[in-house]
Every structure is written in structure tokens, then in C-alpha cells.
Amino acid sequence: MSENDPHIHVQSKAVAGDAAVRNTVAATFGLAGDLPSLVTTGCGLRVPYAMTSSRPDRVTCLACREHARREHQRFADQVVRLSRVPGSAISPAQAKLAADTHRDLAQRFFDAED
């Protein structure tokens, strides 16, 4: 980790971030765990959690934006594939809605590079 790195990064787990899991546990059980002080980013650096964002308009690291774009696109494709499996818990219509949301987010990470 560089002490002089001014960039805002994306966590390496761009789709399933720790904050989302923490919020779900807190809402379900009334428990809130601590977030990690350092996280691994999409570009491979370990940076303070405060130097990361899941919002495309906030991420300034180009490699992290590309990582997040790929991860959201991959997740969208995976959701659609899994909805087609017999006995799937989600319908193709639900999968399309979720996939469209992640594809839109992937596009916003791409568009932020302009």
C-alpha cells in the first residue's frame, strides 16, 4: 500500500462487498460487526476501507473501474444462467431485472472512464 495513493478504489469483491453483508446481518439480527481497516482492491492493492467506493462516479483508479465493470457483467451473466436451471429459486423475469441492474452498473463504471 502506498501512503501517497490519492485514488479511490473498488474492493476486489465488487459485487458482494463487506458493507452489504454487514448491513444485512445488522438488519436481520441486530448485530453489527466491524468493517476491516484494510481491504484488497480490484487493482491488487491493499488500501484503507475508507479509500474504496462501490459508486462508479467516485472510483478514480482506472484498473479498479475495469475490474468492477467485469465483475458486474460476469455476475449479470451468471444470474441469467442460474435462473434457467430447473428448480431455480428465481424466475427468468426476476433474473432479467437483477441482470439489467448489474449490466447498467457495469456500463456506468465504463462510462466513468470518459
PDB file of N, CA and C in Angstrom:
ATOM      1  N   MET A   1       0.841  -1.178   0.000  1.00  0.00           N
ATOM      2  CA  MET A   1       0.000   0.000   0.000  1.00  0.00           C
ATOM      3  C   MET A   1       0.884   1.238   0.000  1.00  0.00           C
ATOM      4  N   SER A   2       0.576   2.159  -0.856  1.00  0.00           N
ATOM      5  CA  SER A   2       1.312   3.416  -0.917  1.00  0.00           C
ATOM      6  C   SER A   2       0.618   4.460  -0.045  1.00  0.00           C
ATOM      7  N   GLU A   3       1.377   5.095   0.794  1.00  0.00           N
ATOM      8  CA  GLU A   3       0.818   6.131   1.658  1.00  0.00           C
ATOM      9  C   GLU A   3       0.382   7.348   0.850  1.00  0.00           C
ATOM     10  N   ASN A   4       0.924   7.495  -0.373  1.00  0.00           N
ATOM     11  CA  ASN A   4       0.636   8.667  -1.189  1.00  0.00           C
ATOM     12  C   ASN A   4      -0.376   8.384  -2.296  1.00  0.00           C
ATOM     13  N   ASP A   5      -1.067   7.271  -2.249  1.00  0.00           N
ATOM     14  CA  ASP A   5      -2.034   6.917  -3.280  1.00  0.00           C
ATOM     15  C   ASP A   5      -3.307   7.741  -3.097  1.00  0.00           C
ATOM     16  N   PRO A   6      -3.579   8.666  -4.016  1.00  0.00           N
ATOM     17  CA  PRO A   6      -4.754   9.535  -3.855  1.00  0.00           C
ATOM     18  C   PRO A   6      -6.040   8.936  -4.434  1.00  0.00           C
ATOM     19  N   HIS A   7      -5.951   7.766  -5.047  1.00  0.00           N
ATOM     20  CA  HIS A   7      -7.094   7.210  -5.770  1.00  0.00           C
ATOM     21  C   HIS A   7      -8.128   6.557  -4.858  1.00  0.00           C
ATOM     22  N   ILE A   8      -9.366   6.578  -5.341  1.00  0.00           N
ATOM     23  CA  ILE A   8     -10.453   5.836  -4.705  1.00  0.00           C
ATOM     24  C   ILE A   8     -10.582   4.542  -5.490  1.00  0.00           C
ATOM     25  N   HIS A   9     -10.613   3.439  -4.777  1.00  0.00           N
ATOM     26  CA  HIS A   9     -10.580   2.107  -5.382  1.00  0.00           C
ATOM     27  C   HIS A   9     -11.916   1.381  -5.201  1.00  0.00           C
ATOM     28  N   VAL A  10     -11.981   0.179  -5.765  1.00  0.00           N
ATOM     29  CA  VAL A  10     -13.113  -0.738  -5.601  1.00  0.00           C
ATOM     30  C   VAL A  10     -12.580  -1.974  -4.894  1.00  0.00           C
ATOM     31  N   GLN A  11     -13.344  -2.512  -3.953  1.00  0.00           N
ATOM     32  CA  GLN A  11     -12.933  -3.753  -3.310  1.00  0.00           C
ATOM     33  C   GLN A  11     -12.864  -4.872  -4.342  1.00  0.00           C
ATOM     34  N   SER A  12     -11.991  -5.840  -4.120  1.00  0.00           N
ATOM     35  CA  SER A  12     -11.851  -6.943  -5.077  1.00  0.00           C
ATOM     36  C   SER A  12     -13.153  -7.725  -5.219  1.00  0.00           C
ATOM     37  N   LYS A  13     -13.943  -7.795  -4.152  1.00  0.00           N
ATOM     38  CA  LYS A  13     -15.265  -8.429  -4.219  1.00  0.00           C
ATOM     39  C   LYS A  13     -16.283  -7.337  -4.540  1.00  0.00           C
ATOM     40  N   ALA A  14     -16.230  -6.840  -5.763  1.00  0.00           N
ATOM     41  CA  ALA A  14     -17.040  -5.682  -6.159  1.00  0.00           C
ATOM     42  C   ALA A  14     -18.535  -5.932  -6.038  1.00  0.00           C
ATOM     43  N   VAL A  15     -18.972  -7.151  -6.275  1.00  0.00           N
ATOM     44  CA  VAL A  15     -20.407  -7.434  -6.252  1.00  0.00           C
ATOM     45  C   VAL A  15     -20.892  -7.730  -4.838  1.00  0.00           C
ATOM     46  N   ALA A  16     -20.121  -8.433  -4.063  1.00  0.00           N
ATOM     47  CA  ALA A  16     -20.535  -8.832  -2.711  1.00  0.00           C
ATOM     48  C   ALA A  16     -19.649  -8.139  -1.685  1.00  0.00           C
ATOM     49  N   GLY A  17     -19.814  -6.839  -1.548  1.00  0.00           N
ATOM     50  CA  GLY A  17     -18.983  -6.076  -0.622  1.00  0.00           C
ATOM     51  C   GLY A  17     -19.290  -6.368   0.832  1.00  0.00           C
ATOM     52  N   ASP A  18     -18.311  -6.145   1.683  1.00  0.00           N
ATOM     53  CA  ASP A  18     -18.456  -6.397   3.118  1.00  0.00           C
ATOM     54  C   ASP A  18     -19.537  -5.528   3.758  1.00  0.00           C
ATOM     55  N   ALA A  19     -19.702  -4.301   3.294  1.00  0.00           N
ATOM     56  CA  ALA A  19     -20.686  -3.402   3.897  1.00  0.00           C
ATOM     57  C   ALA A  19     -22.106  -3.915   3.677  1.00  0.00           C
ATOM     58  N   ALA A  20     -22.365  -4.468   2.499  1.00  0.00           N
ATOM     59  CA  ALA A  20     -23.704  -5.003   2.211  1.00  0.00           C
ATOM     60  C   ALA A  20     -24.017  -6.187   3.121  1.00  0.00           C
ATOM     61  N   VAL A  21     -23.049  -7.062   3.315  1.00  0.00           N
ATOM     62  CA  VAL A  21     -23.232  -8.213   4.204  1.00  0.00           C
ATOM     63  C   VAL A  21     -23.439  -7.729   5.633  1.00  0.00           C
ATOM     64  N   ARG A  22     -22.645  -6.758   6.056  1.00  0.00           N
ATOM     65  CA  ARG A  22     -22.758  -6.208   7.410  1.00  0.00           C
ATOM     66  C   ARG A  22     -24.150  -5.602   7.628  1.00  0.00           C
ATOM     67  N   ASN A  23     -24.649  -4.861   6.653  1.00  0.00           N
ATOM     68  CA  ASN A  23     -25.971  -4.242   6.779  1.00  0.00           C
ATOM     69  C   ASN A  23     -27.079  -5.282   6.852  1.00  0.00           C
ATOM     70  N   THR A  24     -26.958  -6.363   6.084  1.00  0.00           N
ATOM     71  CA  THR A  24     -27.953  -7.429   6.112  1.00  0.00           C
ATOM     72  C   THR A  24     -27.978  -8.113   7.474  1.00  0.00           C
ATOM     73  N   VAL A  25     -26.809  -8.430   8.008  1.00  0.00           N
ATOM     74  CA  VAL A  25     -26.726  -9.066   9.329  1.00  0.00           C
ATOM     75  C   VAL A  25     -27.280  -8.131  10.399  1.00  0.00           C
ATOM     76  N   ALA A  26     -26.947  -6.857  10.297  1.00  0.00           N
ATOM     77  CA  ALA A  26     -27.437  -5.887  11.284  1.00  0.00           C
ATOM     78  C   ALA A  26     -28.955  -5.778  11.228  1.00  0.00           C
ATOM     79  N   ALA A  27     -29.518  -5.753  10.025  1.00  0.00           N
ATOM     80  CA  ALA A  27     -30.971  -5.630   9.879  1.00  0.00           C
ATOM     81  C   ALA A  27     -31.690  -6.895  10.332  1.00  0.00           C
ATOM     82  N   THR A  28     -31.061  -8.043  10.108  1.00  0.00           N
ATOM     83  CA  THR A  28     -31.692  -9.315  10.439  1.00  0.00           C
ATOM     84  C   THR A  28     -31.583  -9.652  11.925  1.00  0.00           C
ATOM     85  N   PHE A  29     -30.387  -9.503  12.468  1.00  0.00           N
ATOM     86  CA  PHE A  29     -30.130  -9.964  13.823  1.00  0.00           C
ATOM     87  C   PHE A  29     -29.858  -8.854  14.832  1.00  0.00           C
ATOM     88  N   GLY A  30     -29.738  -7.625  14.367  1.00  0.00           N
ATOM     89  CA  GLY A  30     -29.431  -6.528  15.272  1.00  0.00           C
ATOM     90  C   GLY A  30     -27.982  -6.521  15.713  1.00  0.00           C
ATOM     91  N   LEU A  31     -27.123  -7.203  14.958  1.00  0.00           N
ATOM     92  CA  LEU A  31     -25.693  -7.262  15.272  1.00  0.00           C
ATOM     93  C   LEU A  31     -24.927  -6.558  14.167  1.00  0.00           C
ATOM     94  N   ALA A  32     -23.894  -5.846  14.528  1.00  0.00           N
ATOM     95  CA  ALA A  32     -23.075  -5.174  13.522  1.00  0.00           C
ATOM     96  C   ALA A  32     -21.610  -5.439  13.821  1.00  0.00           C
ATOM     97  N   GLY A  33     -20.960  -6.149  12.906  1.00  0.00           N
ATOM     98  CA  GLY A  33     -19.534  -6.406  13.046  1.00  0.00           C
ATOM     99  C   GLY A  33     -18.725  -5.243  12.523  1.00  0.00           C
ATOM    100  N   ASP A  34     -17.487  -5.207  12.903  1.00  0.00           N
ATOM    101  CA  ASP A  34     -16.598  -4.153  12.420  1.00  0.00           C
ATOM    102  C   ASP A  34     -16.192  -4.429  10.984  1.00  0.00           C
ATOM    103  N   LEU A  35     -16.080  -3.368  10.203  1.00  0.00           N
ATOM    104  CA  LEU A  35     -15.552  -3.486   8.856  1.00  0.00           C
ATOM    105  C   LEU A  35     -14.029  -3.551   8.949  1.00  0.00           C
ATOM    106  N   PRO A  36     -13.387  -4.211   7.994  1.00  0.00           N
ATOM    107  CA  PRO A  36     -11.925  -4.293   8.045  1.00  0.00           C
ATOM    108  C   PRO A  36     -11.289  -2.930   7.820  1.00  0.00           C
ATOM    109  N   SER A  37     -10.125  -2.721   8.425  1.00  0.00           N
ATOM    110  CA  SER A  37      -9.459  -1.429   8.236  1.00  0.00           C
ATOM    111  C   SER A  37      -8.769  -1.374   6.873  1.00  0.00           C
ATOM    112  N   LEU A  38      -8.235  -2.497   6.409  1.00  0.00           N
ATOM    113  CA  LEU A  38      -7.601  -2.582   5.093  1.00  0.00           C
ATOM    114  C   LEU A  38      -8.343  -3.612   4.246  1.00  0.00           C
ATOM    115  N   VAL A  39      -8.490  -3.332   2.956  1.00  0.00           N
ATOM    116  CA  VAL A  39      -9.150  -4.259   2.037  1.00  0.00           C
ATOM    117  C   VAL A  39      -8.302  -4.411   0.782  1.00  0.00           C
ATOM    118  N   THR A  40      -8.461  -5.546   0.121  1.00  0.00           N
ATOM    119  CA  THR A  40      -7.808  -5.767  -1.158  1.00  0.00           C
ATOM    120  C   THR A  40      -8.697  -5.182  -2.247  1.00  0.00           C
ATOM    121  N   THR A  41      -8.087  -4.500  -3.185  1.00  0.00           N
ATOM    122  CA  THR A  41      -8.840  -3.807  -4.225  1.00  0.00           C
ATOM    123  C   THR A  41      -8.793  -4.568  -5.546  1.00  0.00           C
ATOM    124  N   GLY A  42      -9.585  -4.108  -6.488  1.00  0.00           N
ATOM    125  CA  GLY A  42      -9.628  -4.714  -7.812  1.00  0.00           C
ATOM    126  C   GLY A  42      -8.311  -4.618  -8.553  1.00  0.00           C
ATOM    127  N   CYS A  43      -7.493  -3.626  -8.210  1.00  0.00           N
ATOM    128  CA  CYS A  43      -6.187  -3.482  -8.866  1.00  0.00           C
ATOM    129  C   CYS A  43      -5.085  -4.223  -8.107  1.00  0.00           C
ATOM    130  N   GLY A  44      -5.449  -4.880  -7.001  1.00  0.00           N
ATOM    131  CA  GLY A  44      -4.481  -5.681  -6.260  1.00  0.00           C
ATOM    132  C   GLY A  44      -3.829  -5.005  -5.070  1.00  0.00           C
ATOM    133  N   LEU A  45      -4.084  -3.726  -4.865  1.00  0.00           N
ATOM    134  CA  LEU A  45      -3.509  -3.038  -3.706  1.00  0.00           C
ATOM    135  C   LEU A  45      -4.312  -3.334  -2.455  1.00  0.00           C
ATOM    136  N   ARG A  46      -3.692  -3.145  -1.298  1.00  0.00           N
ATOM    137  CA  ARG A  46      -4.409  -3.167  -0.019  1.00  0.00           C
ATOM    138  C   ARG A  46      -4.443  -1.724   0.463  1.00  0.00           C
ATOM    139  N   VAL A  47      -5.655  -1.214   0.612  1.00  0.00           N
ATOM    140  CA  VAL A  47      -5.831   0.193   0.982  1.00  0.00           C
ATOM    141  C   VAL A  47      -6.805   0.282   2.150  1.00  0.00           C
ATOM    142  N   PRO A  48      -6.835   1.413   2.839  1.00  0.00           N
ATOM    143  CA  PRO A  48      -7.841   1.594   3.890  1.00  0.00           C
ATOM    144  C   PRO A  48      -9.247   1.497   3.293  1.00  0.00           C
ATOM    145  N   TYR A  49     -10.151   0.887   4.049  1.00  0.00           N
ATOM    146  CA  TYR A  49     -11.535   0.732   3.597  1.00  0.00           C
ATOM    147  C   TYR A  49     -12.125   2.087   3.185  1.00  0.00           C
ATOM    148  N   ALA A  50     -11.751   3.131   3.889  1.00  0.00           N
ATOM    149  CA  ALA A  50     -12.272   4.468   3.607  1.00  0.00           C
ATOM    150  C   ALA A  50     -11.855   4.977   2.230  1.00  0.00           C
ATOM    151  N   MET A  51     -10.877   4.358   1.604  1.00  0.00           N
ATOM    152  CA  MET A  51     -10.420   4.776   0.270  1.00  0.00           C
ATOM    153  C   MET A  51     -11.050   3.922  -0.828  1.00  0.00           C
ATOM    154  N   THR A  52     -12.193   3.289  -0.522  1.00  0.00           N
ATOM    155  CA  THR A  52     -12.907   2.493  -1.524  1.00  0.00           C
ATOM    156  C   THR A  52     -14.333   3.005  -1.668  1.00  0.00           C
ATOM    157  N   SER A  53     -14.917   2.683  -2.805  1.00  0.00           N
ATOM    158  CA  SER A  53     -16.298   3.043  -3.050  1.00  0.00           C
ATOM    159  C   SER A  53     -16.889   2.029  -4.023  1.00  0.00           C
ATOM    160  N   SER A  54     -18.192   1.834  -3.952  1.00  0.00           N
ATOM    161  CA  SER A  54     -18.877   0.981  -4.918  1.00  0.00           C
ATOM    162  C   SER A  54     -19.616   1.826  -5.952  1.00  0.00           C
ATOM    163  N   ARG A  55     -19.512   3.143  -5.820  1.00  0.00           N
ATOM    164  CA  ARG A  55     -20.182   4.066  -6.749  1.00  0.00           C
ATOM    165  C   ARG A  55     -19.251   4.421  -7.898  1.00  0.00           C
ATOM    166  N   PRO A  56     -19.671   4.159  -9.141  1.00  0.00           N
ATOM    167  CA  PRO A  56     -18.804   4.418 -10.300  1.00  0.00           C
ATOM    168  C   PRO A  56     -18.296   5.855 -10.384  1.00  0.00           C
ATOM    169  N   ASP A  57     -19.112   6.824  -9.993  1.00  0.00           N
ATOM    170  CA  ASP A  57     -18.704   8.219 -10.105  1.00  0.00           C
ATOM    171  C   ASP A  57     -17.648   8.619  -9.076  1.00  0.00           C
ATOM    172  N   ARG A  58     -17.402   7.761  -8.099  1.00  0.00           N
ATOM    173  CA  ARG A  58     -16.416   8.074  -7.054  1.00  0.00           C
ATOM    174  C   ARG A  58     -15.070   7.380  -7.280  1.00  0.00           C
ATOM    175  N   VAL A  59     -15.064   6.286  -8.036  1.00  0.00           N
ATOM    176  CA  VAL A  59     -13.842   5.490  -8.210  1.00  0.00           C
ATOM    177  C   VAL A  59     -12.927   6.184  -9.214  1.00  0.00           C
ATOM    178  N   THR A  60     -11.691   6.460  -8.792  1.00  0.00           N
ATOM    179  CA  THR A  60     -10.731   7.152  -9.660  1.00  0.00           C
ATOM    180  C   THR A  60      -9.623   6.252 -10.173  1.00  0.00           C
ATOM    181  N   CYS A  61      -9.481   5.060  -9.641  1.00  0.00           N
ATOM    182  CA  CYS A  61      -8.467   4.111 -10.102  1.00  0.00           C
ATOM    183  C   CYS A  61      -8.996   3.418 -11.359  1.00  0.00           C
ATOM    184  N   LEU A  62      -8.313   3.603 -12.480  1.00  0.00           N
ATOM    185  CA  LEU A  62      -8.771   3.038 -13.755  1.00  0.00           C
ATOM    186  C   LEU A  62      -8.829   1.515 -13.723  1.00  0.00           C
ATOM    187  N   ALA A  63      -7.826   0.885 -13.125  1.00  0.00           N
ATOM    188  CA  ALA A  63      -7.807  -0.582 -13.055  1.00  0.00           C
ATOM    189  C   ALA A  63      -8.966  -1.099 -12.202  1.00  0.00           C
ATOM    190  N   CYS A  64      -9.300  -0.398 -11.147  1.00  0.00           N
ATOM    191  CA  CYS A  64     -10.424  -0.806 -10.293  1.00  0.00           C
ATOM    192  C   CYS A  64     -11.755  -0.627 -11.013  1.00  0.00           C
ATOM    193  N   ARG A  65     -11.890   0.440 -11.800  1.00  0.00           N
ATOM    194  CA  ARG A  65     -13.122   0.620 -12.568  1.00  0.00           C
ATOM    195  C   ARG A  65     -13.309  -0.511 -13.565  1.00  0.00           C
ATOM    196  N   GLU A  66     -12.223  -0.896 -14.240  1.00  0.00           N
ATOM    197  CA  GLU A  66     -12.306  -2.003 -15.196  1.00  0.00           C
ATOM    198  C   GLU A  66     -12.642  -3.307 -14.471  1.00  0.00           C
ATOM    199  N   HIS A  67     -12.046  -3.527 -13.322  1.00  0.00           N
ATOM    200  CA  HIS A  67     -12.334  -4.722 -12.522  1.00  0.00           C
ATOM    201  C   HIS A  67     -13.812  -4.759 -12.142  1.00  0.00           C
ATOM    202  N   ALA A  68     -14.335  -3.650 -11.644  1.00  0.00           N
ATOM    203  CA  ALA A  68     -15.740  -3.601 -11.234  1.00  0.00           C
ATOM    204  C   ALA A  68     -16.666  -3.812 -12.423  1.00  0.00           C
ATOM    205  N   ARG A  69     -16.320  -3.242 -13.564  1.00  0.00           N
ATOM    206  CA  ARG A  69     -17.129  -3.438 -14.770  1.00  0.00           C
ATOM    207  C   ARG A  69     -17.198  -4.914 -15.133  1.00  0.00           C
ATOM    208  N   ARG A  70     -16.048  -5.574 -15.140  1.00  0.00           N
ATOM    209  CA  ARG A  70     -16.015  -7.012 -15.464  1.00  0.00           C
ATOM    210  C   ARG A  70     -16.791  -7.836 -14.448  1.00  0.00           C
ATOM    211  N   GLU A  71     -16.643  -7.521 -13.166  1.00  0.00           N
ATOM    212  CA  GLU A  71     -17.315  -8.285 -12.116  1.00  0.00           C
ATOM    213  C   GLU A  71     -18.837  -8.152 -12.192  1.00  0.00           C
ATOM    214  N   HIS A  72     -19.327  -6.948 -12.421  1.00  0.00           N
ATOM    215  CA  HIS A  72     -20.782  -6.754 -12.516  1.00  0.00           C
ATOM    216  C   HIS A  72     -21.338  -7.410 -13.775  1.00  0.00           C
ATOM    217  N   GLN A  73     -20.594  -7.348 -14.876  1.00  0.00           N
ATOM    218  CA  GLN A  73     -21.033  -8.011 -16.107  1.00  0.00           C
ATOM    219  C   GLN A  73     -21.051  -9.527 -15.914  1.00  0.00           C
ATOM    220  N   ARG A  74     -20.001 -10.067 -15.292  1.00  0.00           N
ATOM    221  CA  ARG A  74     -19.920 -11.507 -15.041  1.00  0.00           C
ATOM    222  C   ARG A  74     -21.066 -11.963 -14.142  1.00  0.00           C
ATOM    223  N   PHE A  75     -21.363 -11.172 -13.105  1.00  0.00           N
ATOM    224  CA  PHE A  75     -22.440 -11.525 -12.188  1.00  0.00           C
ATOM    225  C   PHE A  75     -23.793 -11.505 -12.910  1.00  0.00           C
ATOM    226  N   ALA A  76     -24.012 -10.516 -13.759  1.00  0.00           N
ATOM    227  CA  ALA A  76     -25.265 -10.442 -14.517  1.00  0.00           C
ATOM    228  C   ALA A  76     -25.440 -11.683 -15.386  1.00  0.00           C
ATOM    229  N   ASP A  77     -24.382 -12.084 -16.072  1.00  0.00           N
ATOM    230  CA  ASP A  77     -24.451 -13.282 -16.917  1.00  0.00           C
ATOM    231  C   ASP A  77     -24.722 -14.527 -16.075  1.00  0.00           C
ATOM    232  N   GLN A  78     -24.098 -14.614 -14.918  1.00  0.00           N
ATOM    233  CA  GLN A  78     -24.271 -15.766 -14.038  1.00  0.00           C
ATOM    234  C   GLN A  78     -25.702 -15.855 -13.512  1.00  0.00           C
ATOM    235  N   VAL A  79     -26.298 -14.737 -13.147  1.00  0.00           N
ATOM    236  CA  VAL A  79     -27.675 -14.725 -12.645  1.00  0.00           C
ATOM    237  C   VAL A  79     -28.629 -15.247 -13.720  1.00  0.00           C
ATOM    238  N   VAL A  80     -28.445 -14.797 -14.943  1.00  0.00           N
ATOM    239  CA  VAL A  80     -29.307 -15.251 -16.041  1.00  0.00           C
ATOM    240  C   VAL A  80     -29.144 -16.749 -16.254  1.00  0.00           C
ATOM    241  N   ARG A  81     -27.905 -17.236 -16.273  1.00  0.00           N
ATOM    242  CA  ARG A  81     -27.663 -18.681 -16.454  1.00  0.00           C
ATOM    243  C   ARG A  81     -28.309 -19.496 -15.336  1.00  0.00           C
ATOM    244  N   LEU A  82     -28.149 -19.041 -14.098  1.00  0.00           N
ATOM    245  CA  LEU A  82     -28.691 -19.800 -12.968  1.00  0.00           C
ATOM    246  C   LEU A  82     -30.216 -19.789 -12.941  1.00  0.00           C
ATOM    247  N   SER A  83     -30.834 -18.759 -13.475  1.00  0.00           N
ATOM    248  CA  SER A  83     -32.307 -18.714 -13.485  1.00  0.00           C
ATOM    249  C   SER A  83     -32.897 -19.739 -14.433  1.00  0.00           C
ATOM    250  N   ARG A  84     -32.093 -20.222 -15.363  1.00  0.00           N
ATOM    251  CA  ARG A  84     -32.555 -21.203 -16.344  1.00  0.00           C
ATOM    252  C   ARG A  84     -32.424 -22.639 -15.860  1.00  0.00           C
ATOM    253  N   VAL A  85     -31.776 -22.825 -14.720  1.00  0.00           N
ATOM    254  CA  VAL A  85     -31.591 -24.168 -14.156  1.00  0.00           C
ATOM    255  C   VAL A  85     -32.937 -24.646 -13.595  1.00  0.00           C
ATOM    256  N   PRO A  86     -33.339 -25.872 -13.910  1.00  0.00           N
ATOM    257  CA  PRO A  86     -34.600 -26.384 -13.351  1.00  0.00           C
ATOM    258  C   PRO A  86     -34.589 -26.308 -11.819  1.00  0.00           C
ATOM    259  N   GLY A  87     -35.683 -25.810 -11.262  1.00  0.00           N
ATOM    260  CA  GLY A  87     -35.796 -25.690  -9.806  1.00  0.00           C
ATOM    261  C   GLY A  87     -35.153 -24.437  -9.242  1.00  0.00           C
ATOM    262  N   SER A  88     -34.757 -23.521 -10.101  1.00  0.00           N
ATOM    263  CA  SER A  88     -34.115 -22.294  -9.645  1.00  0.00           C
ATOM    264  C   SER A  88     -35.045 -21.512  -8.719  1.00  0.00           C
ATOM    265  N   ALA A  89     -34.460 -20.851  -7.742  1.00  0.00           N
ATOM    266  CA  ALA A  89     -35.246 -20.067  -6.782  1.00  0.00           C
ATOM    267  C   ALA A  89     -35.729 -18.744  -7.372  1.00  0.00           C
ATOM    268  N   ILE A  90     -35.147 -18.326  -8.490  1.00  0.00           N
ATOM    269  CA  ILE A  90     -35.583 -17.083  -9.113  1.00  0.00           C
ATOM    270  C   ILE A  90     -36.088 -17.359 -10.529  1.00  0.00           C
ATOM    271  N   SER A  91     -37.078 -16.600 -10.926  1.00  0.00           N
ATOM    272  CA  SER A  91     -37.655 -16.758 -12.261  1.00  0.00           C
ATOM    273  C   SER A  91     -36.780 -16.041 -13.287  1.00  0.00           C
ATOM    274  N   PRO A  92     -36.936 -16.391 -14.561  1.00  0.00           N
ATOM    275  CA  PRO A  92     -36.196 -15.657 -15.594  1.00  0.00           C
ATOM    276  C   PRO A  92     -36.506 -14.154 -15.574  1.00  0.00           C
ATOM    277  N   ALA A  93     -37.740 -13.774 -15.247  1.00  0.00           N
ATOM    278  CA  ALA A  93     -38.079 -12.348 -15.181  1.00  0.00           C
ATOM    279  C   ALA A  93     -37.334 -11.653 -14.040  1.00  0.00           C
ATOM    280  N   GLN A  94     -37.256 -12.310 -12.883  1.00  0.00           N
ATOM    281  CA  GLN A  94     -36.514 -11.744 -11.753  1.00  0.00           C
ATOM    282  C   GLN A  94     -35.026 -11.652 -12.098  1.00  0.00           C
ATOM    283  N   ALA A  95     -34.525 -12.687 -12.762  1.00  0.00           N
ATOM    284  CA  ALA A  95     -33.114 -12.702 -13.155  1.00  0.00           C
ATOM    285  C   ALA A  95     -32.817 -11.579 -14.140  1.00  0.00           C
ATOM    286  N   LYS A  96     -33.733 -11.360 -15.070  1.00  0.00           N
ATOM    287  CA  LYS A  96     -33.529 -10.283 -16.049  1.00  0.00           C
ATOM    288  C   LYS A  96     -33.454  -8.932 -15.347  1.00  0.00           C
ATOM    289  N   LEU A  97     -34.310  -8.708 -14.375  1.00  0.00           N
ATOM    290  CA  LEU A  97     -34.297  -7.447 -13.636  1.00  0.00           C
ATOM    291  C   LEU A  97     -32.956  -7.264 -12.907  1.00  0.00           C
ATOM    292  N   ALA A  98     -32.520  -8.313 -12.217  1.00  0.00           N
ATOM    293  CA  ALA A  98     -31.245  -8.236 -11.497  1.00  0.00           C
ATOM    294  C   ALA A  98     -30.081  -8.069 -12.473  1.00  0.00           C
ATOM    295  N   ALA A  99     -30.101  -8.821 -13.564  1.00  0.00           N
ATOM    296  CA  ALA A  99     -29.024  -8.734 -14.552  1.00  0.00           C
ATOM    297  C   ALA A  99     -28.976  -7.349 -15.185  1.00  0.00           C
ATOM    298  N   ASP A 100     -30.142  -6.798 -15.508  1.00  0.00           N
ATOM    299  CA  ASP A 100     -30.181  -5.455 -16.087  1.00  0.00           C
ATOM    300  C   ASP A 100     -29.589  -4.421 -15.136  1.00  0.00           C
ATOM    301  N   THR A 101     -29.862  -4.576 -13.853  1.00  0.00           N
ATOM    302  CA  THR A 101     -29.318  -3.658 -12.845  1.00  0.00           C
ATOM    303  C   THR A 101     -27.792  -3.726 -12.832  1.00  0.00           C
ATOM    304  N   HIS A 102     -27.251  -4.945 -12.861  1.00  0.00           N
ATOM    305  CA  HIS A 102     -25.791  -5.106 -12.821  1.00  0.00           C
ATOM    306  C   HIS A 102     -25.135  -4.714 -14.141  1.00  0.00           C
ATOM    307  N   ARG A 103     -25.812  -4.952 -15.252  1.00  0.00           N
ATOM    308  CA  ARG A 103     -25.262  -4.510 -16.539  1.00  0.00           C
ATOM    309  C   ARG A 103     -25.236  -2.993 -16.612  1.00  0.00           C
ATOM    310  N   ASP A 104     -26.261  -2.342 -16.064  1.00  0.00           N
ATOM    311  CA  ASP A 104     -26.282  -0.885 -16.018  1.00  0.00           C
ATOM    312  C   ASP A 104     -25.129  -0.366 -15.162  1.00  0.00           C
ATOM    313  N   LEU A 105     -24.903  -1.008 -14.028  1.00  0.00           N
ATOM    314  CA  LEU A 105     -23.798  -0.609 -13.162  1.00  0.00           C
ATOM    315  C   LEU A 105     -22.461  -0.825 -13.867  1.00  0.00           C
ATOM    316  N   ALA A 106     -22.318  -1.948 -14.564  1.00  0.00           N
ATOM    317  CA  ALA A 106     -21.088  -2.210 -15.327  1.00  0.00           C
ATOM    318  C   ALA A 106     -20.863  -1.112 -16.360  1.00  0.00           C
ATOM    319  N   GLN A 107     -21.921  -0.711 -17.049  1.00  0.00           N
ATOM    320  CA  GLN A 107     -21.811   0.349 -18.056  1.00  0.00           C
ATOM    321  C   GLN A 107     -21.424   1.677 -17.407  1.00  0.00           C
ATOM    322  N   ARG A 108     -21.946   1.953 -16.222  1.00  0.00           N
ATOM    323  CA  ARG A 108     -21.606   3.193 -15.528  1.00  0.00           C
ATOM    324  C   ARG A 108     -20.121   3.207 -15.120  1.00  0.00           C
ATOM    325  N   PHE A 109     -19.560   2.058 -14.759  1.00  0.00           N
ATOM    326  CA  PHE A 109     -18.114   2.006 -14.472  1.00  0.00           C
ATOM    327  C   PHE A 109     -17.332   2.277 -15.739  1.00  0.00           C
ATOM    328  N   PHE A 110     -17.806   1.775 -16.883  1.00  0.00           N
ATOM    329  CA  PHE A 110     -17.141   2.010 -18.158  1.00  0.00           C
ATOM    330  C   PHE A 110     -17.246   3.485 -18.554  1.00  0.00           C
ATOM    331  N   ASP A 111     -18.460   4.029 -18.440  1.00  0.00           N
ATOM    332  CA  ASP A 111     -18.705   5.422 -18.822  1.00  0.00           C
ATOM    333  C   ASP A 111     -17.912   6.398 -17.957  1.00  0.00           C
ATOM    334  N   ALA A 112     -17.647   6.031 -16.722  1.00  0.00           N
ATOM    335  CA  ALA A 112     -16.907   6.916 -15.799  1.00  0.00           C
ATOM    336  C   ALA A 112     -15.480   7.142 -16.269  1.00  0.00           C
ATOM    337  N   GLU A 113     -14.985   6.280 -17.186  1.00  0.00           N
ATOM    338  CA  GLU A 113     -13.617   6.422 -17.672  1.00  0.00           C
ATOM    339  C   GLU A 113     -13.475   7.581 -18.649  1.00  0.00           C
ATOM    340  N   ASP A 114     -14.573   8.050 -19.216  1.00  0.00           N
ATOM    341  CA  ASP A 114     -14.509   9.135 -20.200  1.00  0.00           C
ATOM    342  C   ASP A 114     -14.133  10.449 -19.560  1.00  0.00           C
TER     343      ASP A 114
END
